[in-house]
Protein backbone atom coordinates (compact mmCIF):
# COMPACT_ATOMS: atom_id res chain seq x y z
CA MET A 1 -81.76 -3.89 -34.94
CA LYS A 2 -81.19 -0.41 -33.58
CA ILE A 3 -78.54 2.22 -34.26
CA ASN A 4 -77.43 4.01 -31.08
CA SER A 5 -75.78 7.39 -30.51
CA ASN A 6 -72.36 5.89 -31.36
CA ASN A 7 -73.75 4.68 -34.72
CA GLU A 8 -73.41 1.11 -33.51
CA ILE A 9 -75.83 -1.50 -34.75
CA VAL A 10 -76.92 -4.00 -32.10
CA ARG A 11 -78.66 -7.10 -33.44
CA LYS A 12 -79.57 -10.57 -32.29
CA PHE A 13 -76.82 -13.08 -32.89
CA GLN A 14 -78.56 -15.53 -35.22
CA ILE A 15 -77.31 -19.05 -35.63
CA GLU A 16 -79.90 -21.73 -36.21
CA LYS A 17 -78.52 -24.15 -33.65
CA TYR A 18 -78.73 -21.42 -30.98
CA ASP A 19 -82.36 -20.49 -31.63
CA LYS A 20 -83.47 -22.98 -28.99
CA TYR A 21 -81.74 -20.83 -26.36
CA GLU A 22 -84.37 -18.10 -26.51
CA GLY A 23 -85.34 -16.66 -23.17
CA LEU A 24 -83.64 -14.79 -20.40
CA TYR A 25 -80.51 -16.26 -18.85
CA TYR A 26 -78.57 -15.32 -15.75
CA CYS A 27 -74.80 -15.39 -15.39
CA ASP A 28 -73.97 -18.18 -12.98
CA ALA A 29 -70.20 -17.76 -13.38
CA LEU A 30 -67.60 -15.95 -15.44
CA HIS A 31 -64.14 -17.57 -15.53
CA ASP A 32 -60.87 -16.32 -16.96
CA ASP A 33 -58.16 -18.75 -15.92
CA ASN A 34 -55.73 -21.34 -17.27
CA GLU A 35 -58.68 -23.22 -18.80
CA GLY A 36 -59.62 -20.16 -20.87
CA PHE A 37 -62.40 -17.59 -20.78
CA ARG A 38 -65.92 -18.93 -20.37
CA ILE A 39 -69.30 -17.80 -19.17
CA ILE A 40 -71.77 -20.15 -17.49
CA LEU A 41 -75.42 -19.21 -17.97
CA GLU A 42 -78.58 -20.54 -16.35
CA HIS A 43 -82.08 -20.05 -17.80
CA GLU A 44 -84.40 -17.87 -15.72
CA SER A 45 -86.85 -20.77 -15.37
CA GLY A 46 -84.19 -23.05 -13.90
CA GLN A 47 -85.31 -25.62 -16.46
CA GLY A 48 -83.10 -27.07 -19.15
CA PRO A 49 -79.35 -27.21 -19.41
CA MET A 50 -76.94 -24.61 -18.21
CA LEU A 51 -74.88 -23.13 -21.04
CA LYS A 52 -71.12 -22.72 -21.31
CA VAL A 53 -70.20 -19.91 -23.70
CA THR A 54 -66.64 -19.74 -25.03
CA PHE A 55 -64.93 -17.54 -27.60
CA GLY A 56 -61.71 -19.22 -28.73
CA LYS A 57 -59.28 -16.33 -29.12
CA PHE A 58 -60.84 -13.48 -27.16
CA LEU A 59 -59.13 -10.10 -26.90
CA ALA A 60 -61.06 -8.33 -24.16
CA TYR A 61 -64.19 -8.53 -22.08
CA GLN A 62 -66.14 -6.43 -19.63
CA ASN A 63 -69.02 -7.18 -17.32
CA ILE A 64 -71.22 -4.32 -16.15
CA ASP A 65 -74.29 -4.60 -13.95
CA GLU A 66 -77.26 -3.98 -16.26
CA SER A 67 -78.58 -1.27 -13.93
CA ASN A 68 -75.44 0.77 -14.68
CA ARG A 69 -76.08 0.76 -18.45
CA LEU A 70 -78.94 3.28 -18.40
CA LYS A 71 -77.88 5.07 -21.60
CA PHE A 72 -77.64 1.73 -23.42
CA TRP A 73 -81.12 0.62 -22.30
CA ASN A 74 -82.59 4.03 -23.15
CA GLU A 75 -81.17 3.89 -26.70
CA GLN A 76 -81.98 0.21 -27.22
CA LYS A 77 -85.69 0.31 -26.45
CA ASP A 78 -86.43 -2.37 -29.04
CA ILE A 79 -83.98 -4.88 -27.51
CA ASP A 80 -85.76 -8.14 -26.79
CA GLU A 81 -85.23 -8.58 -23.06
CA LYS A 82 -86.02 -12.27 -23.44
CA TYR A 83 -83.04 -12.87 -25.73
CA THR A 84 -79.47 -13.17 -24.53
CA PHE A 85 -77.03 -13.21 -27.47
CA TYR A 86 -76.27 -10.09 -29.52
CA GLU A 87 -73.54 -8.79 -31.78
CA VAL A 88 -72.48 -5.19 -32.33
CA GLU A 89 -71.50 -3.79 -35.72
CA ASN A 90 -69.55 -0.56 -36.18
CA SER A 91 -68.47 -0.94 -32.56
CA SER A 92 -66.95 2.06 -30.80
CA TRP A 93 -65.27 -0.37 -28.38
CA VAL A 94 -63.57 -2.17 -31.29
CA LYS A 95 -62.41 1.18 -32.68
CA TRP A 96 -61.05 2.18 -29.28
CA PHE A 97 -59.33 -1.21 -28.90
CA VAL A 98 -57.61 -0.99 -32.31
CA ASN A 99 -56.49 2.58 -31.60
CA GLU A 100 -55.29 1.64 -28.11
CA ASN A 101 -52.99 -1.09 -29.44
CA LYS A 102 -51.79 1.11 -32.34
CA GLY A 103 -53.22 -1.04 -35.11
CA LYS A 104 -51.85 -4.38 -33.98
CA TYR A 105 -55.30 -5.77 -34.84
CA GLU A 106 -57.60 -5.02 -37.76
CA SER A 107 -61.07 -3.89 -36.73
CA SER A 108 -62.64 -5.92 -39.54
CA GLU A 109 -61.30 -9.11 -37.95
CA ILE A 110 -62.74 -8.45 -34.48
CA LYS A 111 -66.24 -9.49 -33.44
CA HIS A 112 -68.04 -7.64 -30.65
CA TYR A 113 -70.55 -9.77 -28.74
CA MET A 114 -73.01 -8.75 -26.04
CA ILE A 115 -74.55 -11.23 -23.66
CA LEU A 116 -77.52 -9.63 -21.95
CA THR A 117 -78.54 -11.44 -18.80
CA GLY A 118 -81.02 -10.68 -16.04
CA GLN A 119 -78.30 -8.81 -14.14
CA ASP A 120 -75.35 -8.25 -16.46
CA VAL A 121 -74.27 -6.79 -19.76
CA ILE A 122 -71.23 -8.88 -20.70
CA GLU A 123 -69.30 -7.71 -23.76
CA VAL A 124 -66.56 -9.66 -25.48
CA LEU A 125 -64.16 -8.80 -28.29
CA SER A 126 -63.03 -11.93 -30.10
CA TYR A 127 -61.47 -13.18 -33.31
CA ASP A 128 -63.64 -16.28 -33.12
CA GLU A 129 -67.36 -16.83 -33.14
CA LEU A 130 -68.90 -17.62 -29.80
CA GLN A 131 -69.54 -21.30 -29.07
CA ILE A 132 -72.29 -22.67 -26.85
CA GLU A 133 -72.12 -26.00 -25.08
CA GLU A 134 -74.92 -27.47 -22.99
CA LEU A 135 -73.99 -28.51 -19.46
CA PHE A 136 -76.19 -30.95 -17.58
């Protein structure tokens, strides 16, 4: 856990059933279509199942090449680069989002997830907890 210059707390997203997904993943695909929003991840080793990550009711997402997040990486020196799933507390993006829609949503109801891959920093705002499904 590390507090950055925005007073955000970035920590590993811990759910027992997801512990087996340790390691670095790469984004194989990111879809936002009539089937919903989902991210397809492949493990760096190429071994094991690909993962489909979904969010139920998501509100927003962004995908930025990890090499363009220099400030983030500088402030998050203790991030485990071999772990993919994180959550952000006291999120400045959530605060911006609530302000931008004039309070239509409550910040306490919104979860901010980060999926750190070998090439991407994917962030998602969602009402629902992320779900992981193995694809074979």
